[in-house]
Protein backbone atom coordinates (compact mmCIF):
# COMPACT_ATOMS: atom_id res chain seq x y z
CA UNK A 1 -191.24 -66.88 33.02
CA UNK A 2 -193.61 -67.06 35.82
CA UNK A 3 -192.38 -64.86 38.45
CA UNK A 4 -192.46 -65.88 42.30
CA UNK A 5 -195.33 -64.34 44.17
CA UNK A 6 -195.62 -62.56 47.33
CA UNK A 7 -198.49 -61.04 49.09
CA UNK A 8 -200.22 -58.21 48.39
CA UNK A 9 -197.91 -55.61 49.75
CA UNK A 10 -194.52 -56.69 48.10
CA UNK A 11 -196.42 -57.61 44.79
CA UNK A 12 -194.25 -60.01 42.13
CA UNK A 13 -190.98 -60.54 42.39
CA UNK A 14 -188.16 -61.86 40.04
CA UNK A 15 -184.68 -63.14 40.11
CA UNK A 16 -182.04 -62.05 38.53
CA UNK A 17 -181.60 -65.41 36.21
CA UNK A 18 -185.63 -64.62 35.42
CA UNK A 19 -184.57 -60.98 33.92
CA UNK A 20 -181.64 -62.28 32.37
CA UNK A 21 -183.78 -65.02 30.35
CA UNK A 22 -186.78 -62.54 29.45
CA UNK A 23 -184.87 -59.70 28.20
CA UNK A 24 -182.08 -61.94 26.83
CA UNK A 25 -179.31 -60.23 28.56
CA UNK A 26 -176.12 -61.38 31.13
CA UNK A 27 -176.58 -61.44 34.97
CA UNK A 28 -173.43 -59.46 35.29
CA UNK A 29 -175.11 -56.94 32.63
CA UNK A 30 -177.76 -56.90 34.94
CA UNK A 31 -175.34 -56.49 37.81
CA UNK A 32 -173.82 -53.77 36.46
CA UNK A 33 -177.03 -51.05 35.60
CA UNK A 34 -177.57 -51.73 39.56
CA UNK A 35 -173.99 -50.67 40.09
CA UNK A 36 -175.33 -47.39 38.09
CA UNK A 37 -177.84 -47.10 40.19
CA UNK A 38 -180.61 -47.84 37.50
CA UNK A 39 -182.17 -50.54 39.21
CA UNK A 40 -182.31 -50.80 42.99
CA UNK A 41 -183.17 -55.02 44.32
CA UNK A 42 -183.85 -55.46 47.50
CA UNK A 43 -181.66 -57.97 49.67
CA UNK A 44 -181.91 -61.33 51.41
CA UNK A 45 -178.49 -62.27 51.63
CA UNK A 46 -176.56 -62.47 48.95
CA UNK A 47 -179.92 -63.11 46.96
CA UNK A 48 -180.84 -60.16 44.95
CA UNK A 49 -185.37 -59.98 44.84
CA UNK A 50 -186.14 -57.56 41.71
CA UNK A 51 -189.65 -55.97 42.41
CA UNK A 52 -191.62 -54.80 38.89
CA UNK A 53 -190.52 -50.87 38.81
CA UNK A 54 -187.08 -52.91 38.67
CA UNK A 55 -188.70 -54.69 35.75
CA UNK A 56 -189.67 -52.07 34.23
CA UNK A 57 -186.63 -50.30 34.59
CA UNK A 58 -184.44 -52.46 32.95
CA UNK A 59 -187.24 -52.74 29.98
CA UNK A 60 -186.78 -49.10 29.44
CA UNK A 61 -183.05 -49.14 29.95
CA UNK A 62 -182.51 -51.89 27.21
CA UNK A 63 -185.34 -49.83 25.00
CA UNK A 64 -182.57 -46.88 25.89
CA UNK A 65 -179.90 -48.10 24.67
CA UNK A 66 -181.28 -49.28 21.53
CA UNK A 67 -182.40 -45.81 21.16
CA UNK A 68 -178.30 -45.12 21.30
CA UNK A 69 -179.47 -43.36 25.26
CA UNK A 70 -176.16 -42.85 27.15
CA UNK A 71 -176.53 -44.84 30.84
CA UNK A 72 -176.30 -41.71 32.24
CA UNK A 73 -178.92 -40.11 29.89
CA UNK A 74 -181.14 -43.46 31.02
CA UNK A 75 -180.55 -42.78 34.51
CA UNK A 76 -180.86 -39.18 34.47
CA UNK A 77 -184.86 -39.74 32.94
CA UNK A 78 -185.43 -42.17 35.90
CA UNK A 79 -184.12 -39.67 38.57
CA UNK A 80 -186.62 -37.11 37.49
CA UNK A 81 -189.80 -39.76 36.85
CA UNK A 82 -188.63 -39.74 40.47
CA UNK A 83 -188.17 -36.71 41.84
CA UNK A 84 -191.40 -34.98 43.31
CA UNK A 85 -191.93 -32.74 41.03
CA UNK A 86 -194.12 -35.53 38.62
CA UNK A 87 -193.76 -37.12 35.91
CA UNK A 88 -194.55 -33.51 33.36
CA UNK A 89 -190.29 -32.15 33.97
CA UNK A 90 -189.42 -36.43 33.91
CA UNK A 91 -191.62 -36.50 30.42
CA UNK A 92 -190.02 -32.75 28.87
CA UNK A 93 -186.41 -33.75 29.48
CA UNK A 94 -187.46 -36.78 28.06
CA UNK A 95 -188.58 -35.81 25.12
CA UNK A 96 -185.35 -33.43 24.49
CA UNK A 97 -183.08 -36.02 24.71
CA UNK A 98 -185.86 -38.56 22.27
CA UNK A 99 -185.16 -34.99 19.25
CA UNK A 100 -181.57 -35.58 19.87
CA UNK A 101 -181.47 -38.88 19.34
CA UNK A 102 -183.37 -39.12 16.38
CA UNK A 103 -181.67 -35.88 14.23
CA UNK A 104 -178.40 -37.82 15.77
CA UNK A 105 -180.25 -41.23 13.73
CA UNK A 106 -180.97 -39.08 10.49
CA UNK A 107 -177.75 -37.38 10.29
CA UNK A 108 -176.34 -41.25 10.77
CA UNK A 109 -178.72 -42.22 7.76
CA UNK A 110 -178.01 -39.56 5.92
CA UNK A 111 -174.69 -40.52 5.96
CA UNK A 112 -174.67 -43.72 4.83
CA UNK A 113 -177.11 -43.69 2.25
CA UNK A 114 -174.32 -40.87 1.23
CA UNK A 115 -171.40 -43.75 1.98
CA UNK A 116 -173.53 -45.88 0.21
CA UNK A 117 -173.84 -43.91 -3.08
CA UNK A 118 -170.43 -43.40 -2.88
CA UNK A 119 -169.54 -47.29 -3.18
CA UNK A 120 -172.59 -48.10 -5.46
CA UNK A 121 -170.88 -45.30 -7.77
CA UNK A 122 -167.00 -46.82 -6.94
CA UNK A 123 -168.59 -50.46 -7.76
CA UNK A 124 -169.82 -49.11 -11.11
CA UNK A 125 -166.55 -47.54 -12.29
CA UNK A 126 -164.80 -50.54 -11.28
CA UNK A 127 -167.22 -52.98 -13.56
CA UNK A 128 -166.64 -50.53 -16.27
CA UNK A 129 -162.47 -50.86 -16.13
CA UNK A 130 -163.01 -54.65 -15.87
CA UNK A 131 -165.28 -54.82 -18.87
CA UNK A 132 -162.56 -53.06 -20.99
CA UNK A 133 -160.15 -54.77 -20.17
CA UNK A 134 -161.86 -57.92 -20.97
CA UNK A 135 -163.10 -56.67 -23.99
CA UNK A 136 -159.53 -55.33 -24.94
CA UNK A 137 -158.20 -59.05 -23.50
CA UNK A 138 -160.63 -60.30 -25.83
CA UNK A 139 -160.00 -58.07 -28.62
CA UNK A 140 -155.97 -58.57 -28.57
CA UNK A 141 -156.65 -62.52 -27.94
CA UNK A 142 -158.89 -62.36 -31.60
CA UNK A 143 -156.18 -60.29 -32.83
CA UNK A 144 -153.14 -62.69 -32.54
CA UNK A 145 -155.36 -65.53 -33.41
CA UNK A 146 -155.67 -64.30 -36.29
CA UNK A 147 -152.69 -62.92 -37.33
CA UNK A 148 -151.56 -67.02 -37.38
CA UNK A 149 -153.72 -67.76 -39.96
C-alpha cells in the first residue's frame, strides 16, 4: 500500500480502503471504530482522510481485540493516553487490563485442557466398549460357526 503523501505539516495520510486492505478488515468495521470514538479522520466532503495516528490506533484496536479487550477498554486506554497526565497513567491502566486478560486467558486454557482430558477419557471409554462388543460378536460368530460343524 502506498499512502498518499501530503506536506510535512499534515504528514502521511491514508484512505479508508487502504487501511481496510492493510489490516484485512472491512471499511464498515473502520467506520464502526470511528463511531465508537477510536478513530478520528478528518473529512474532505464525504471522503475520510486518516492520519498516521488513526492508522496506529486502528492497529492497536485490532491488537486489543485479539487480546480480548472490549472496545470500551481500548477507548479508555486511548483516552488516558490523550489526557494531559501523560503516558505513565495510561501504561499503568493498560497493564491492569492486560493482567486481567492474561488471567482470563490462563483460566480459559486450563478449562480447555480439562475439557480435552475429559474428552480423551470419554473417547477411551467408548473405544474400550466398542472393542469389547466386537470381541464378543467375533466370539459369538466363531461359536455359531463351530456349532454347525
